[in-house]
C-alpha atoms as a PDB file:
ATOM      1  CA  MET A   1     -62.966  -1.875   3.544  1.00  0.00           C
ATOM      2  CA  VAL A   2     -62.194  -3.669  -0.026  1.00  0.00           C
ATOM      3  CA  GLY A   3     -65.682  -6.089  -0.624  1.00  0.00           C
ATOM      4  CA  THR A   4     -68.116  -7.046   1.560  1.00  0.00           C
ATOM      5  CA  PRO A   5     -68.597  -9.370   4.361  1.00  0.00           C
ATOM      6  CA  GLY A   6     -70.420 -11.643   2.245  1.00  0.00           C
ATOM      7  CA  ARG A   7     -67.773 -11.939  -0.078  1.00  0.00           C
ATOM      8  CA  GLY A   8     -64.774 -12.137   2.175  1.00  0.00           C
ATOM      9  CA  MET A   9     -62.283 -10.309   0.190  1.00  0.00           C
ATOM     10  CA  GLY A  10     -61.165  -8.188   3.121  1.00  0.00           C
ATOM     11  CA  HIS A  11     -60.873 -10.998   5.434  1.00  0.00           C
ATOM     12  CA  ARG A  12     -59.325 -13.329   2.754  1.00  0.00           C
ATOM     13  CA  GLY A  13     -57.414  -9.849   2.334  1.00  0.00           C
ATOM     14  CA  ARG A  14     -55.809 -10.534   5.866  1.00  0.00           C
ATOM     15  CA  ARG A  15     -54.951 -13.638   5.975  1.00  0.00           C
ATOM     16  CA  GLU A  16     -52.706 -14.268   2.888  1.00  0.00           C
ATOM     17  CA  ARG A  17     -48.974 -13.416   2.935  1.00  0.00           C
ATOM     18  CA  ARG A  18     -48.531 -10.604   0.400  1.00  0.00           C
ATOM     19  CA  ASN A  19     -45.375 -11.359  -0.785  1.00  0.00           C
ATOM     20  CA  GLY A  20     -43.929 -15.642  -1.351  1.00  0.00           C
ATOM     21  CA  LEU A  21     -45.907 -17.945  -3.002  1.00  0.00           C
ATOM     22  CA  ALA A  22     -49.175 -19.510  -2.086  1.00  0.00           C
ATOM     23  CA  HIS A  23     -49.064 -22.551   0.635  1.00  0.00           C
ATOM     24  CA  ALA A  24     -45.377 -22.454   0.236  1.00  0.00           C
ATOM     25  CA  GLN A  25     -44.719 -24.194   3.499  1.00  0.00           C
ATOM     26  CA  LYS A  26     -46.554 -27.346   2.149  1.00  0.00           C
ATOM     27  CA  ASN A  27     -44.314 -27.743  -1.080  1.00  0.00           C
ATOM     28  CA  GLY A  28     -40.869 -27.161   0.577  1.00  0.00           C
ATOM     29  CA  ARG A  29     -39.793 -24.111  -1.392  1.00  0.00           C
ATOM     30  CA  THR A  30     -39.689 -21.494   1.747  1.00  0.00           C
ATOM     31  CA  LYS A  31     -36.245 -21.329   1.500  1.00  0.00           C
ATOM     32  CA  ARG A  32     -35.120 -21.775  -2.194  1.00  0.00           C
ATOM     33  CA  LYS A  33     -33.631 -18.842  -4.115  1.00  0.00           C
ATOM     34  CA  ILE A  34     -32.853 -18.524  -7.721  1.00  0.00           C
ATOM     35  CA  ALA A  35     -29.051 -18.369  -8.103  1.00  0.00           C
ATOM     36  CA  TYR A  36     -27.528 -16.663 -11.157  1.00  0.00           C
ATOM     37  CA  TRP A  37     -24.195 -18.433 -12.509  1.00  0.00           C
ATOM     38  CA  VAL A  38     -22.391 -17.957 -15.786  1.00  0.00           C
ATOM     39  CA  MET A  39     -23.126 -21.068 -17.582  1.00  0.00           C
ATOM     40  CA  PRO A  40     -20.525 -22.159 -20.175  1.00  0.00           C
ATOM     41  CA  PRO A  41     -22.211 -23.514 -23.551  1.00  0.00           C
ATOM     42  CA  GLU A  42     -21.360 -26.941 -24.477  1.00  0.00           C
ATOM     43  CA  ALA A  43     -19.024 -28.175 -27.491  1.00  0.00           C
ATOM     44  CA  ASP A  44     -18.612 -24.637 -28.447  1.00  0.00           C
ATOM     45  CA  ALA A  45     -15.106 -24.096 -30.546  1.00  0.00           C
ATOM     46  CA  GLU A  46     -15.203 -20.426 -30.366  1.00  0.00           C
ATOM     47  CA  CYS A  47     -15.417 -20.499 -26.671  1.00  0.00           C
ATOM     48  CA  VAL A  48     -12.915 -23.066 -26.616  1.00  0.00           C
ATOM     49  CA  ALA A  49     -10.495 -20.975 -28.687  1.00  0.00           C
ATOM     50  CA  HIS A  50     -10.667 -17.473 -26.968  1.00  0.00           C
ATOM     51  CA  ARG A  51     -10.480 -19.357 -23.513  1.00  0.00           C
ATOM     52  CA  GLU A  52      -7.214 -21.155 -24.280  1.00  0.00           C
ATOM     53  CA  GLU A  53      -5.945 -18.117 -26.064  1.00  0.00           C
ATOM     54  CA  GLY A  54      -6.509 -16.247 -22.827  1.00  0.00           C
ATOM     55  CA  LEU A  55      -5.354 -19.073 -20.376  1.00  0.00           C
ATOM     56  CA  GLU A  56      -1.657 -19.212 -22.597  1.00  0.00           C
ATOM     57  CA  THR A  57      -1.665 -15.185 -22.391  1.00  0.00           C
ATOM     58  CA  TYR A  58      -1.661 -15.644 -18.814  1.00  0.00           C
ATOM     59  CA  GLU A  59       0.782 -17.893 -18.869  1.00  0.00           C
ATOM     60  CA  LYS A  60       3.312 -15.578 -20.667  1.00  0.00           C
ATOM     61  CA  PRO A  61       6.242 -14.413 -18.008  1.00  0.00           C
ATOM     62  CA  TYR A  62       6.678 -10.730 -16.904  1.00  0.00           C
ATOM     63  CA  ASN A  63       7.873  -8.439 -19.867  1.00  0.00           C
ATOM     64  CA  PRO A  64       7.925  -4.988 -18.932  1.00  0.00           C
ATOM     65  CA  HIS A  65       8.289  -3.957 -23.130  1.00  0.00           C
ATOM     66  CA  VAL A  66       5.394  -6.173 -24.149  1.00  0.00           C
ATOM     67  CA  PRO A  67       2.738  -6.078 -21.142  1.00  0.00           C
ATOM     68  CA  VAL A  68      -0.092  -7.691 -20.210  1.00  0.00           C
ATOM     69  CA  VAL A  69      -2.906  -5.579 -19.751  1.00  0.00           C
ATOM     70  CA  CYS A  70      -6.587  -6.612 -18.655  1.00  0.00           C
ATOM     71  CA  MET A  71      -9.421  -4.232 -18.926  1.00  0.00           C
ATOM     72  CA  ASP A  72     -13.259  -4.419 -17.412  1.00  0.00           C
ATOM     73  CA  GLU A  73     -16.192  -1.617 -16.607  1.00  0.00           C
ATOM     74  CA  GLN A  74     -19.167  -1.186 -15.186  1.00  0.00           C
ATOM     75  CA  PRO A  75     -22.081   1.279 -14.889  1.00  0.00           C
ATOM     76  CA  VAL A  76     -22.864   2.841 -10.994  1.00  0.00           C
ATOM     77  CA  GLN A  77     -25.840   5.246 -10.382  1.00  0.00           C
ATOM     78  CA  VAL A  78     -24.976   8.457  -8.981  1.00  0.00           C
ATOM     79  CA  LEU A  79     -27.315   9.288  -5.907  1.00  0.00           C
ATOM     80  CA  LYS A  80     -27.978  12.335  -3.745  1.00  0.00           C
ATOM     81  CA  GLU A  81     -28.707  12.429  -0.088  1.00  0.00           C
ATOM     82  CA  THR A  82     -32.316  13.727   0.686  1.00  0.00           C
ATOM     83  CA  ARG A  83     -31.409  14.335   4.121  1.00  0.00           C
ATOM     84  CA  SER A  84     -28.567  14.626   6.422  1.00  0.00           C
ATOM     85  CA  PRO A  85     -27.105  11.376   7.878  1.00  0.00           C
ATOM     86  CA  ILE A  86     -26.675  11.267  11.205  1.00  0.00           C
ATOM     87  CA  ALA A  87     -22.871  10.839  12.119  1.00  0.00           C
ATOM     88  CA  ALA A  88     -21.791   7.455  13.862  1.00  0.00           C
ATOM     89  CA  THR A  89     -21.318   7.839  18.059  1.00  0.00           C
ATOM     90  CA  ALA A  90     -19.662   5.178  20.392  1.00  0.00           C
ATOM     91  CA  ARG A  91     -22.707   2.955  20.047  1.00  0.00           C
ATOM     92  CA  PRO A  92     -24.915   3.095  16.910  1.00  0.00           C
ATOM     93  CA  GLY A  93     -22.931   3.353  13.465  1.00  0.00           C
ATOM     94  CA  LYS A  94     -23.751   6.109  11.361  1.00  0.00           C
ATOM     95  CA  ARG A  95     -27.356   6.392  10.104  1.00  0.00           C
ATOM     96  CA  VAL A  96     -28.600   7.506   6.679  1.00  0.00           C
ATOM     97  CA  ASP A  97     -32.042   7.750   5.496  1.00  0.00           C
ATOM     98  CA  ASP A  98     -33.397   5.562   3.354  1.00  0.00           C
ATOM     99  CA  ALA A  99     -34.675   7.986   0.615  1.00  0.00           C
ATOM    100  CA  TYR A 100     -32.147   9.668  -1.949  1.00  0.00           C
ATOM    101  CA  GLU A 101     -32.698  11.629  -5.330  1.00  0.00           C
ATOM    102  CA  ARG A 102     -30.912  10.026  -8.365  1.00  0.00           C
ATOM    103  CA  ALA A 103     -28.623  12.200 -10.131  1.00  0.00           C
ATOM    104  CA  GLY A 104     -27.584  10.014 -13.433  1.00  0.00           C
ATOM    105  CA  THR A 105     -25.238   7.711 -14.000  1.00  0.00           C
ATOM    106  CA  ALA A 106     -21.463   7.195 -14.382  1.00  0.00           C
ATOM    107  CA  ALA A 107     -18.858   4.350 -15.444  1.00  0.00           C
ATOM    108  CA  ILE A 108     -15.930   2.939 -14.075  1.00  0.00           C
ATOM    109  CA  PHE A 109     -13.140   1.334 -16.111  1.00  0.00           C
ATOM    110  CA  MET A 110     -10.825  -0.817 -14.568  1.00  0.00           C
ATOM    111  CA  PHE A 111      -7.379  -1.167 -15.711  1.00  0.00           C
ATOM    112  CA  ALA A 112      -5.098  -4.065 -14.378  1.00  0.00           C
ATOM    113  CA  GLU A 113      -1.551  -5.320 -14.875  1.00  0.00           C
ATOM    114  CA  PRO A 114      -1.648  -8.752 -13.177  1.00  0.00           C
ATOM    115  CA  LEU A 115       2.236  -9.252 -12.978  1.00  0.00           C
ATOM    116  CA  ALA A 116       3.086  -5.684 -12.231  1.00  0.00           C
ATOM    117  CA  GLY A 117       0.686  -5.644  -9.189  1.00  0.00           C
ATOM    118  CA  TRP A 118      -0.873  -2.384 -10.859  1.00  0.00           C
ATOM    119  CA  ARG A 119      -4.453  -1.185 -10.694  1.00  0.00           C
ATOM    120  CA  ASP A 120      -6.276   1.923 -12.156  1.00  0.00           C
ATOM    121  CA  VAL A 121      -9.622   3.370 -12.049  1.00  0.00           C
ATOM    122  CA  ALA A 122     -11.327   6.193 -14.154  1.00  0.00           C
ATOM    123  CA  VAL A 123     -14.790   7.294 -13.731  1.00  0.00           C
ATOM    124  CA  ARG A 124     -16.646   8.386 -17.017  1.00  0.00           C
ATOM    125  CA  THR A 125     -20.276  10.352 -17.623  1.00  0.00           C
ATOM    126  CA  ARG A 126     -20.718   7.498 -20.193  1.00  0.00           C
ATOM    127  CA  LYS A 127     -19.016   4.439 -21.455  1.00  0.00           C
ATOM    128  CA  THR A 128     -19.297   4.885 -25.330  1.00  0.00           C
ATOM    129  CA  LYS A 129     -16.727   3.853 -28.125  1.00  0.00           C
ATOM    130  CA  SER A 130     -15.006   6.968 -27.617  1.00  0.00           C
ATOM    131  CA  ASP A 131     -14.721   7.046 -23.656  1.00  0.00           C
ATOM    132  CA  TRP A 132     -13.138   3.523 -23.857  1.00  0.00           C
ATOM    133  CA  ALA A 133     -10.655   4.881 -26.706  1.00  0.00           C
ATOM    134  CA  ILE A 134      -9.535   7.417 -24.883  1.00  0.00           C
ATOM    135  CA  GLU A 135      -8.953   5.951 -21.620  1.00  0.00           C
ATOM    136  CA  MET A 136      -6.951   3.308 -23.439  1.00  0.00           C
ATOM    137  CA  ALA A 137      -4.889   5.921 -25.426  1.00  0.00           C
ATOM    138  CA  ARG A 138      -4.255   7.598 -21.844  1.00  0.00           C
ATOM    139  CA  TRP A 139      -2.465   4.397 -20.817  1.00  0.00           C
ATOM    140  CA  LEU A 140      -0.586   3.686 -24.618  1.00  0.00           C
ATOM    141  CA  GLU A 141       0.383   7.196 -24.622  1.00  0.00           C
ATOM    142  CA  GLY A 142       1.202   7.298 -20.889  1.00  0.00           C
ATOM    143  CA  ARG A 143       2.363   4.230 -18.634  1.00  0.00           C
ATOM    144  CA  TYR A 144       3.092   2.357 -21.898  1.00  0.00           C
ATOM    145  CA  ALA A 145       4.419   5.107 -24.367  1.00  0.00           C
ATOM    146  CA  ALA A 146       7.818   3.177 -24.545  1.00  0.00           C
ATOM    147  CA  CYS A 147       6.171  -0.349 -25.236  1.00  0.00           C
ATOM    148  CA  GLY A 148       6.306  -1.874 -28.574  1.00  0.00           C
ATOM    149  CA  LYS A 149       2.983  -4.030 -28.240  1.00  0.00           C
ATOM    150  CA  VAL A 150       0.425  -3.803 -25.463  1.00  0.00           C
ATOM    151  CA  ILE A 151      -1.727  -6.957 -24.903  1.00  0.00           C
ATOM    152  CA  LEU A 152      -5.011  -6.392 -24.018  1.00  0.00           C
ATOM    153  CA  VAL A 153      -7.439  -8.824 -22.417  1.00  0.00           C
ATOM    154  CA  CYS A 154     -11.085  -7.387 -22.318  1.00  0.00           C
ATOM    155  CA  ASP A 155     -14.724  -8.878 -22.851  1.00  0.00           C
ATOM    156  CA  ASN A 156     -15.719  -9.287 -26.442  1.00  0.00           C
ATOM    157  CA  LEU A 157     -18.185  -5.798 -26.606  1.00  0.00           C
ATOM    158  CA  ASN A 158     -18.944  -4.112 -29.566  1.00  0.00           C
ATOM    159  CA  THR A 159     -17.428  -0.577 -27.685  1.00  0.00           C
ATOM    160  CA  HIS A 160     -14.179  -2.840 -27.857  1.00  0.00           C
ATOM    161  CA  THR A 161     -12.956  -2.546 -31.050  1.00  0.00           C
ATOM    162  CA  LYS A 162     -10.113  -1.035 -33.349  1.00  0.00           C
ATOM    163  CA  GLY A 163     -12.812   1.137 -35.023  1.00  0.00           C
ATOM    164  CA  ALA A 164     -13.230   3.171 -31.874  1.00  0.00           C
ATOM    165  CA  PHE A 165      -9.990   4.661 -31.901  1.00  0.00           C
ATOM    166  CA  TYR A 166     -10.961   6.606 -35.106  1.00  0.00           C
ATOM    167  CA  GLU A 167     -14.134   7.806 -33.806  1.00  0.00           C
ATOM    168  CA  ALA A 168     -12.206   9.618 -31.361  1.00  0.00           C
ATOM    169  CA  PHE A 169      -9.095  10.653 -32.601  1.00  0.00           C
ATOM    170  CA  ALA A 170      -7.663  11.780 -35.944  1.00  0.00           C
ATOM    171  CA  PRO A 171      -6.716   8.625 -38.263  1.00  0.00           C
ATOM    172  CA  GLU A 172      -2.971   9.116 -37.928  1.00  0.00           C
ATOM    173  CA  ARG A 173      -3.092   8.717 -34.157  1.00  0.00           C
ATOM    174  CA  ALA A 174      -5.960   6.099 -34.249  1.00  0.00           C
ATOM    175  CA  ARG A 175      -3.344   3.915 -36.695  1.00  0.00           C
ATOM    176  CA  ALA A 176      -0.617   4.888 -33.977  1.00  0.00           C
ATOM    177  CA  LEU A 177      -2.405   3.542 -31.018  1.00  0.00           C
ATOM    178  CA  VAL A 178      -4.106   0.192 -32.868  1.00  0.00           C
ATOM    179  CA  ARG A 179      -0.824  -0.355 -34.539  1.00  0.00           C
ATOM    180  CA  ARG A 180       0.587  -1.221 -30.906  1.00  0.00           C
ATOM    181  CA  LEU A 181      -2.007  -2.916 -29.509  1.00  0.00           C
ATOM    182  CA  ALA A 182      -2.843  -6.878 -29.242  1.00  0.00           C
ATOM    183  CA  PHE A 183      -6.442  -7.721 -28.671  1.00  0.00           C
ATOM    184  CA  CYS A 184      -7.649 -11.164 -26.329  1.00  0.00           C
ATOM    185  CA  ASP A 185     -11.060 -11.400 -26.138  1.00  0.00           C
ATOM    186  CA  THR A 186     -12.814 -13.600 -23.417  1.00  0.00           C
ATOM    187  CA  PRO A 187     -15.181 -15.970 -24.632  1.00  0.00           C
ATOM    188  CA  LYS A 188     -18.882 -15.179 -24.441  1.00  0.00           C
ATOM    189  CA  HIS A 189     -20.039 -16.706 -21.280  1.00  0.00           C
ATOM    190  CA  GLY A 190     -16.452 -16.530 -20.226  1.00  0.00           C
ATOM    191  CA  SER A 191     -15.538 -13.072 -18.653  1.00  0.00           C
ATOM    192  CA  TRP A 192     -14.271 -14.930 -15.666  1.00  0.00           C
ATOM    193  CA  LEU A 193     -11.115 -14.646 -17.452  1.00  0.00           C
ATOM    194  CA  ASN A 194     -10.492 -11.535 -17.171  1.00  0.00           C
ATOM    195  CA  ILE A 195      -8.455 -10.839 -14.056  1.00  0.00           C
ATOM    196  CA  ALA A 196      -9.451  -7.199 -14.238  1.00  0.00           C
ATOM    197  CA  GLU A 197     -13.448  -8.287 -13.156  1.00  0.00           C
ATOM    198  CA  ASN A 198     -11.875  -9.834  -9.856  1.00  0.00           C
ATOM    199  CA  ALA A 199     -10.446  -6.389  -9.436  1.00  0.00           C
ATOM    200  CA  LEU A 200     -13.370  -4.556 -10.447  1.00  0.00           C
ATOM    201  CA  SER A 201     -15.530  -6.819  -8.069  1.00  0.00           C
ATOM    202  CA  SER A 202     -13.190  -5.997  -5.178  1.00  0.00           C
ATOM    203  CA  LEU A 203     -13.336  -2.342  -5.726  1.00  0.00           C
ATOM    204  CA  THR A 204     -17.220  -2.525  -5.592  1.00  0.00           C
ATOM    205  CA  HIS A 205     -17.297  -4.594  -2.431  1.00  0.00           C
ATOM    206  CA  GLN A 206     -14.339  -2.691  -0.763  1.00  0.00           C
ATOM    207  CA  CYS A 207     -15.129   1.077  -1.988  1.00  0.00           C
ATOM    208  CA  VAL A 208     -18.597   1.469  -3.733  1.00  0.00           C
ATOM    209  CA  ALA A 209     -21.136  -0.936  -2.603  1.00  0.00           C
ATOM    210  CA  ASP A 210     -23.019   0.218   0.509  1.00  0.00           C
ATOM    211  CA  ARG A 211     -22.181   3.791  -0.259  1.00  0.00           C
ATOM    212  CA  ARG A 212     -23.931   6.728  -2.275  1.00  0.00           C
ATOM    213  CA  PHE A 213     -22.376   9.451  -4.184  1.00  0.00           C
ATOM    214  CA  GLY A 214     -23.968  12.344  -4.939  1.00  0.00           C
ATOM    215  CA  ALA A 215     -21.801  13.550  -7.746  1.00  0.00           C
ATOM    216  CA  ILE A 216     -18.978  12.173 -10.042  1.00  0.00           C
ATOM    217  CA  ALA A 217     -16.403  14.237  -8.522  1.00  0.00           C
ATOM    218  CA  SER A 218     -16.471  12.434  -5.100  1.00  0.00           C
ATOM    219  CA  LEU A 219     -16.767   9.015  -6.634  1.00  0.00           C
ATOM    220  CA  ARG A 220     -13.756   9.779  -8.591  1.00  0.00           C
ATOM    221  CA  GLU A 221     -12.149  10.612  -5.618  1.00  0.00           C
ATOM    222  CA  ALA A 222     -12.533   7.438  -3.777  1.00  0.00           C
ATOM    223  CA  THR A 223     -12.027   5.417  -6.376  1.00  0.00           C
ATOM    224  CA  LYS A 224      -8.534   6.938  -6.888  1.00  0.00           C
ATOM    225  CA  ALA A 225      -7.881   6.762  -3.517  1.00  0.00           C
ATOM    226  CA  TRP A 226      -8.802   3.031  -3.332  1.00  0.00           C
ATOM    227  CA  SER A 227      -6.637   2.341  -6.345  1.00  0.00           C
ATOM    228  CA  ASN A 228      -3.571   4.128  -4.701  1.00  0.00           C
ATOM    229  CA  ASP A 229      -3.620   2.002  -1.304  1.00  0.00           C
ATOM    230  CA  VAL A 230      -4.029  -1.045  -3.382  1.00  0.00           C
ATOM    231  CA  ASN A 231      -1.433  -0.581  -5.739  1.00  0.00           C
ATOM    232  CA  ALA A 232       0.881   0.434  -2.142  1.00  0.00           C
ATOM    233  CA  THR A 233       0.118  -2.667  -0.304  1.00  0.00           C
ATOM    234  CA  GLN A 234      -0.388  -5.612  -2.642  1.00  0.00           C
ATOM    235  CA  ARG A 235       1.168  -7.813  -4.799  1.00  0.00           C
ATOM    236  CA  GLY A 236       0.381  -9.166  -8.636  1.00  0.00           C
ATOM    237  CA  VAL A 237      -2.041 -12.002  -9.614  1.00  0.00           C
ATOM    238  CA  ASP A 238      -1.065 -15.541  -9.458  1.00  0.00           C
ATOM    239  CA  TRP A 239      -3.241 -17.084 -11.539  1.00  0.00           C
ATOM    240  CA  GLN A 240      -3.635 -20.960 -11.232  1.00  0.00           C
ATOM    241  CA  MET A 241      -5.684 -21.951 -13.714  1.00  0.00           C
ATOM    242  CA  ARG A 242      -3.638 -23.481 -17.025  1.00  0.00           C
ATOM    243  CA  ILE A 243      -4.460 -25.010 -20.455  1.00  0.00           C
ATOM    244  CA  ASP A 244      -4.251 -28.563 -19.458  1.00  0.00           C
ATOM    245  CA  ASP A 245      -6.412 -27.750 -16.081  1.00  0.00           C
ATOM    246  CA  ALA A 246      -9.126 -26.411 -18.579  1.00  0.00           C
ATOM    247  CA  ARG A 247      -8.930 -29.447 -20.946  1.00  0.00           C
ATOM    248  CA  THR A 248      -9.738 -31.865 -17.578  1.00  0.00           C
ATOM    249  CA  LYS A 249     -12.158 -29.533 -15.967  1.00  0.00           C
ATOM    250  CA  LEU A 250     -14.201 -28.163 -18.267  1.00  0.00           C
ATOM    251  CA  LYS A 251     -14.323 -31.006 -20.812  1.00  0.00           C
ATOM    252  CA  SER A 252     -18.000 -30.733 -21.964  1.00  0.00           C
ATOM    253  CA  VAL A 253     -17.143 -27.249 -23.757  1.00  0.00           C
ATOM    254  CA  TYR A 254     -14.675 -28.842 -26.280  1.00  0.00           C
ATOM    255  CA  PRO A 255     -16.875 -30.151 -29.122  1.00  0.00           C
ATOM    256  CA  THR A 256     -16.608 -33.912 -30.080  1.00  0.00           C
ATOM    257  CA  ILE A 257     -14.478 -34.315 -33.268  1.00  0.00           C
ATOM    258  CA  LYS A 258     -16.039 -36.542 -36.115  1.00  0.00           C
ATOM    259  CA  LEU A 259     -13.953 -37.705 -38.631  1.00  0.00           C
END
């Protein structure tokens, strides 16, 4: 027993709930939850400039010689099972023990060409500048080897830079890759402008979420199967937001001009 009957510690511990606010039913906060949003800034000229550049890029017609490619990335935990799962039967589904063993992390790189209806997923152990440059070079020298220019829509991170190529390759090769790449950075607090983020969300819900991957090899196999299936069955992306829509619906982000 914690405490003594005279002080009432034991009884008080049994009466009060361990989770939630005390007297939550009285103050009407029993069902309130915190909602996390990407809140746009107000009167931010830099945000407006990056956003309109991205929207104008999406309005361009399809040009196989100058493709528009979007990329995004996310970390994933590698988790091993500590007990063998029980296979699904006619009535109950597959049963997995809630215990697991951490086996490190991995990084998923998503590449999407919206107008071509193409997506590709790469899985690496890290997401450093060199990792990003190596994955970019794989497509610049592979799928887009014949393209003189590739427009890249990506988040404005410190790993997505021209200098990243010089950390991964010799100067001659790095310069050749950078020369063919045109960056189109999404604004801060505006990553929803990156279509690859939508593709990455679909991958997470359809392939990665509620599953445990004990090794990076199995994660690569699953994500590769997902991208192959999506490329074979889905079409391109029909982006609806235009610059005129943004100037009307997101007017608070535009600064007030003072003459």
